[in-house]
Amino acid sequence: MMKKFVGLFSLIALLQLPVIVQAQEIVDPVERVVAAGLMTKDAAGNFNPNDIISRAELASILVKTFDLQKREFSQKPNITLKDVSEDYWAYNDIQIVLKNGVMSGYREGMFFPNYKINRAEAFAIFAQAYGVFQFPEENTNSLLKNYPDSDKIPNWATKSMATALYEGFVNTEPGTNKINPLAPMTRGDMVYALNAYLDRQKRPASIPWQDDLVPKVPR
C-alpha cells in the first residue's frame, strides 16, 4: 500500500511540474535538473521518480544546488561520524551540510546516511539551505491555514515549511491542497522543488511583506 501511495504522489509531483518553453523547445523538468547537474540518472538511464530520497542523497543535492562548499563554515575541521567513513560516496557533502548547520545528526556522532527522509524534513531542510524567511508567528499560521494537513508539520519545521510553501517549492495534492508532510520524500518531489528553485534564479522573489503571504507557484 505504501509503494502505491509513494508512486501516485511522485506521479502527481511530475504532473504538477511546469512545462518550460525556451526558443520553441519544450524542456522536460527531469532533463532540466539532470542537465543542471543537481541530480543524476542510474546506469541504465532511468531517473526513478518514485524512489525515496535518503539523507545522504539530500545532502549531496543541497551542496550542488546551493554551492554550500563555498560558504565560510565549510572550511571548519571535519566532524567525526561513527556511521559515515571517509571513503563513503557522500562523505564530503555530509561534512559540508553538517558544518554549515543545514542538516544535523540524530544523536552525537551519528548521521544515518541511508535513513529515508519524509517530505516535512526534506522541504524544511531545503528551505534552511535556501534561507528561511522569519515570518511573524501569526503570519506563519495564516499561510499554513491554506493547507488542510499543515497541523501534521513538526513544530521545528513550521517556519522552514512556510518559506518552502511561500516560494512554491512544495508540490501539493491536486484538489485538496494537502502537503502530506509525513509521506516519504521522493525523487519526483525533489525535481519539483529544484525546478521551482531554478525558476527563482530567473525570477527572484522579493522578501514578503507581512500582508503578502500568498504562496508562490512556479509558472
Protein backbone atom coordinates (compact mmCIF):
# COMPACT_ATOMS: atom_id res chain seq x y z
CA MET A 1 0.00 0.00 0.00
CA MET A 2 2.88 2.38 0.85
CA LYS A 3 4.54 1.70 -2.53
CA LYS A 4 1.29 2.54 -4.33
CA PHE A 5 0.97 5.78 -2.31
CA VAL A 6 4.57 6.81 -2.99
CA GLY A 7 4.21 6.04 -6.69
CA LEU A 8 0.99 8.03 -7.00
CA PHE A 9 2.38 11.06 -5.19
CA SER A 10 5.56 11.04 -7.31
CA LEU A 11 3.43 10.92 -10.45
CA ILE A 12 1.42 13.85 -9.12
CA ALA A 13 4.67 15.72 -8.48
CA LEU A 14 5.80 15.29 -12.07
CA LEU A 15 2.38 16.21 -13.46
CA GLN A 16 2.41 19.42 -11.42
CA LEU A 17 5.77 20.47 -12.81
CA PRO A 18 5.62 23.45 -15.16
CA VAL A 19 6.39 22.99 -18.83
CA ILE A 20 9.25 25.32 -19.66
CA VAL A 21 9.33 26.79 -23.17
CA GLN A 22 12.61 28.20 -24.44
CA ALA A 23 13.23 29.03 -28.08
CA GLN A 24 10.15 26.98 -29.08
CA GLU A 25 11.56 23.87 -27.34
CA ILE A 26 9.84 22.03 -24.50
CA VAL A 27 12.26 21.26 -21.68
CA ASP A 28 11.43 18.21 -19.59
CA PRO A 29 11.69 19.02 -15.85
CA VAL A 30 13.75 15.91 -15.13
CA GLU A 31 16.12 16.63 -18.00
CA ARG A 32 16.45 20.21 -16.82
CA VAL A 33 17.51 19.13 -13.33
CA VAL A 34 19.89 16.49 -14.69
CA ALA A 35 21.40 18.96 -17.17
CA ALA A 36 21.97 21.40 -14.30
CA GLY A 37 23.98 18.69 -12.55
CA LEU A 38 21.72 18.66 -9.49
CA MET A 39 20.54 15.04 -9.79
CA THR A 40 21.55 12.05 -11.92
CA LYS A 41 20.01 9.02 -13.60
CA ASP A 42 21.01 5.45 -12.87
CA ALA A 43 23.39 3.38 -15.01
CA ALA A 44 20.51 2.31 -17.24
CA GLY A 45 19.48 5.90 -17.89
CA ASN A 46 16.40 5.80 -15.67
CA PHE A 47 15.51 8.60 -13.28
CA ASN A 48 13.28 6.54 -10.95
CA PRO A 49 10.99 9.35 -9.68
CA ASN A 50 9.24 7.04 -7.20
CA ASP A 51 12.42 6.19 -5.27
CA ILE A 52 12.60 7.66 -1.77
CA ILE A 53 15.46 10.05 -1.05
CA SER A 54 17.95 9.22 1.70
CA ARG A 55 19.65 11.71 3.99
CA ALA A 56 22.94 11.20 2.14
CA GLU A 57 21.28 11.87 -1.21
CA LEU A 58 19.64 15.00 0.16
CA ALA A 59 22.99 16.26 1.47
CA SER A 60 24.56 15.77 -1.96
CA ILE A 61 21.70 17.57 -3.74
CA LEU A 62 21.86 20.53 -1.33
CA VAL A 63 25.60 21.01 -1.77
CA LYS A 64 25.26 21.01 -5.57
CA THR A 65 22.19 23.26 -5.62
CA PHE A 66 23.31 25.94 -3.17
CA ASP A 67 27.11 25.71 -3.60
CA LEU A 68 27.40 25.07 0.12
CA GLN A 69 31.08 24.20 -0.24
CA LYS A 70 31.70 27.92 -0.87
CA ARG A 71 30.21 29.01 2.45
CA GLU A 72 32.56 30.08 5.21
CA PHE A 73 31.79 27.29 7.66
CA SER A 74 32.68 24.65 5.06
CA GLN A 75 36.33 25.32 5.91
CA LYS A 76 35.91 24.24 9.52
CA PRO A 77 37.51 20.94 10.64
CA ASN A 78 35.60 17.80 9.72
CA ILE A 79 33.23 16.27 12.23
CA THR A 80 33.83 12.74 13.47
CA LEU A 81 30.99 10.43 12.45
CA LYS A 82 30.58 6.87 13.65
CA ASP A 83 28.40 5.78 10.73
CA VAL A 84 29.98 7.62 7.77
CA SER A 85 33.50 6.58 6.80
CA GLU A 86 35.85 8.83 4.85
CA ASP A 87 35.51 6.60 1.78
CA TYR A 88 31.70 6.82 1.77
CA TRP A 89 30.46 8.29 -1.51
CA ALA A 90 28.75 11.30 0.12
CA TYR A 91 31.25 11.85 2.95
CA ASN A 92 32.37 15.33 1.82
CA ASP A 93 28.80 16.52 1.16
CA ILE A 94 27.65 15.27 4.55
CA GLN A 95 30.52 17.10 6.23
CA ILE A 96 29.59 20.31 4.40
CA VAL A 97 25.89 20.25 5.37
CA LEU A 98 26.78 19.48 8.98
CA LYS A 99 29.40 22.20 9.29
CA ASN A 100 27.01 24.76 7.81
CA GLY A 101 24.18 23.70 10.10
CA VAL A 102 21.91 22.86 7.17
CA MET A 103 21.48 19.30 8.44
CA SER A 104 22.25 17.70 11.78
CA GLY A 105 22.73 14.23 13.19
CA TYR A 106 20.03 12.41 15.10
CA ARG A 107 22.36 11.90 18.00
CA GLU A 108 26.02 12.67 18.70
CA GLY A 109 28.35 11.17 16.14
CA MET A 110 25.59 9.61 14.01
CA PHE A 111 24.21 10.90 10.70
CA PHE A 112 22.16 7.90 9.49
CA PRO A 113 23.05 8.47 5.81
CA ASN A 114 20.76 5.74 4.47
CA TYR A 115 17.73 6.82 6.51
CA LYS A 116 14.78 7.63 4.24
CA ILE A 117 13.53 11.15 4.80
CA ASN A 118 9.93 12.42 4.81
CA ARG A 119 8.56 15.46 3.00
CA ALA A 120 8.39 17.72 6.05
CA GLU A 121 12.05 17.07 6.86
CA ALA A 122 13.25 17.35 3.27
CA PHE A 123 11.39 20.55 2.36
CA ALA A 124 12.28 22.18 5.68
CA ILE A 125 15.96 21.34 5.21
CA PHE A 126 15.79 22.56 1.59
CA ALA A 127 14.42 25.88 2.87
CA GLN A 128 17.16 26.06 5.51
CA ALA A 129 19.78 25.85 2.77
CA TYR A 130 17.88 28.40 0.67
CA GLY A 131 17.34 30.84 3.54
CA VAL A 132 14.31 30.91 5.82
CA PHE A 133 12.05 33.97 5.99
CA GLN A 134 11.47 34.97 9.61
CA PHE A 135 7.71 35.37 9.32
CA PRO A 136 5.97 36.56 12.49
CA GLU A 137 4.18 33.62 14.11
CA GLU A 138 0.73 34.91 13.22
CA ASN A 139 1.73 35.22 9.55
CA THR A 140 3.21 31.74 9.51
CA ASN A 141 -0.04 30.40 10.92
CA SER A 142 -2.04 32.39 8.37
CA LEU A 143 -0.04 30.94 5.48
CA LEU A 144 -0.24 27.36 6.78
CA LYS A 145 -4.04 27.59 7.09
CA ASN A 146 -4.13 27.28 3.29
CA TYR A 147 -3.13 23.62 3.70
CA PRO A 148 -5.61 21.30 5.48
CA ASP A 149 -2.96 18.92 6.87
CA SER A 150 -0.43 21.56 7.96
CA ASP A 151 -1.08 20.56 11.56
CA LYS A 152 0.98 17.43 10.86
CA ILE A 153 4.12 19.50 10.24
CA PRO A 154 6.54 19.07 13.19
CA ASN A 155 6.86 22.25 15.27
CA TRP A 156 10.57 22.61 14.50
CA ALA A 157 9.82 22.69 10.75
CA THR A 158 6.96 25.22 10.61
CA LYS A 159 8.96 28.35 9.74
CA SER A 160 11.06 26.49 7.19
CA MET A 161 7.98 24.92 5.62
CA ALA A 162 6.32 28.33 5.49
CA THR A 163 9.25 29.57 3.42
CA ALA A 164 9.19 26.49 1.18
CA LEU A 165 5.47 26.87 0.58
CA TYR A 166 5.68 30.63 0.03
CA GLU A 167 8.42 30.12 -2.58
CA GLY A 168 6.47 27.38 -4.38
CA PHE A 169 8.99 24.62 -3.67
CA VAL A 170 6.35 22.21 -2.36
CA ASN A 171 4.13 20.16 -4.66
CA THR A 172 0.69 19.73 -3.13
CA GLU A 173 -2.06 17.21 -3.71
CA PRO A 174 -4.37 18.41 -6.50
CA GLY A 175 -7.93 19.07 -5.43
CA THR A 176 -7.15 19.02 -1.70
CA ASN A 177 -4.03 21.23 -1.43
CA LYS A 178 -2.63 18.77 1.10
CA ILE A 179 1.09 18.85 1.85
CA ASN A 180 1.34 15.24 3.04
CA PRO A 181 4.26 16.21 5.30
CA LEU A 182 4.79 12.74 6.74
CA ALA A 183 4.85 10.94 3.39
CA PRO A 184 8.24 9.81 2.05
CA MET A 185 10.18 12.37 0.00
CA THR A 186 10.66 11.01 -3.49
CA ARG A 187 12.96 11.94 -6.32
CA GLY A 188 9.91 13.24 -8.18
CA ASP A 189 9.12 15.56 -5.28
CA MET A 190 12.70 16.83 -5.34
CA VAL A 191 12.56 17.50 -9.07
CA TYR A 192 9.57 19.75 -8.41
CA ALA A 193 11.45 21.69 -5.72
CA LEU A 194 14.59 22.03 -7.83
CA ASN A 195 12.67 23.27 -10.89
CA ALA A 196 10.97 25.89 -8.74
CA TYR A 197 14.36 26.92 -7.39
CA LEU A 198 15.83 27.17 -10.89
CA ASP A 199 12.89 29.37 -11.86
CA ARG A 200 13.67 31.54 -8.84
CA GLN A 201 17.13 32.22 -10.27
CA LYS A 202 15.48 33.81 -13.30
CA ARG A 203 12.64 35.46 -11.36
CA PRO A 204 13.96 36.32 -7.88
CA ALA A 205 11.22 36.75 -5.32
CA SER A 206 11.14 39.83 -3.15
CA ILE A 207 11.15 39.43 0.60
CA PRO A 208 7.47 39.15 1.54
CA TRP A 209 5.63 41.87 3.34
CA GLN A 210 3.65 40.79 6.36
CA ASP A 211 0.36 41.17 4.48
CA ASP A 212 1.63 39.34 1.37
CA LEU A 213 1.52 35.66 2.19
CA VAL A 214 0.02 34.19 -0.94
CA PRO A 215 2.11 31.07 -1.75
CA LYS A 216 4.13 31.44 -4.91
CA VAL A 217 3.64 28.79 -7.60
CA PRO A 218 6.25 28.36 -10.36
CA ARG A 219 4.91 29.41 -13.72
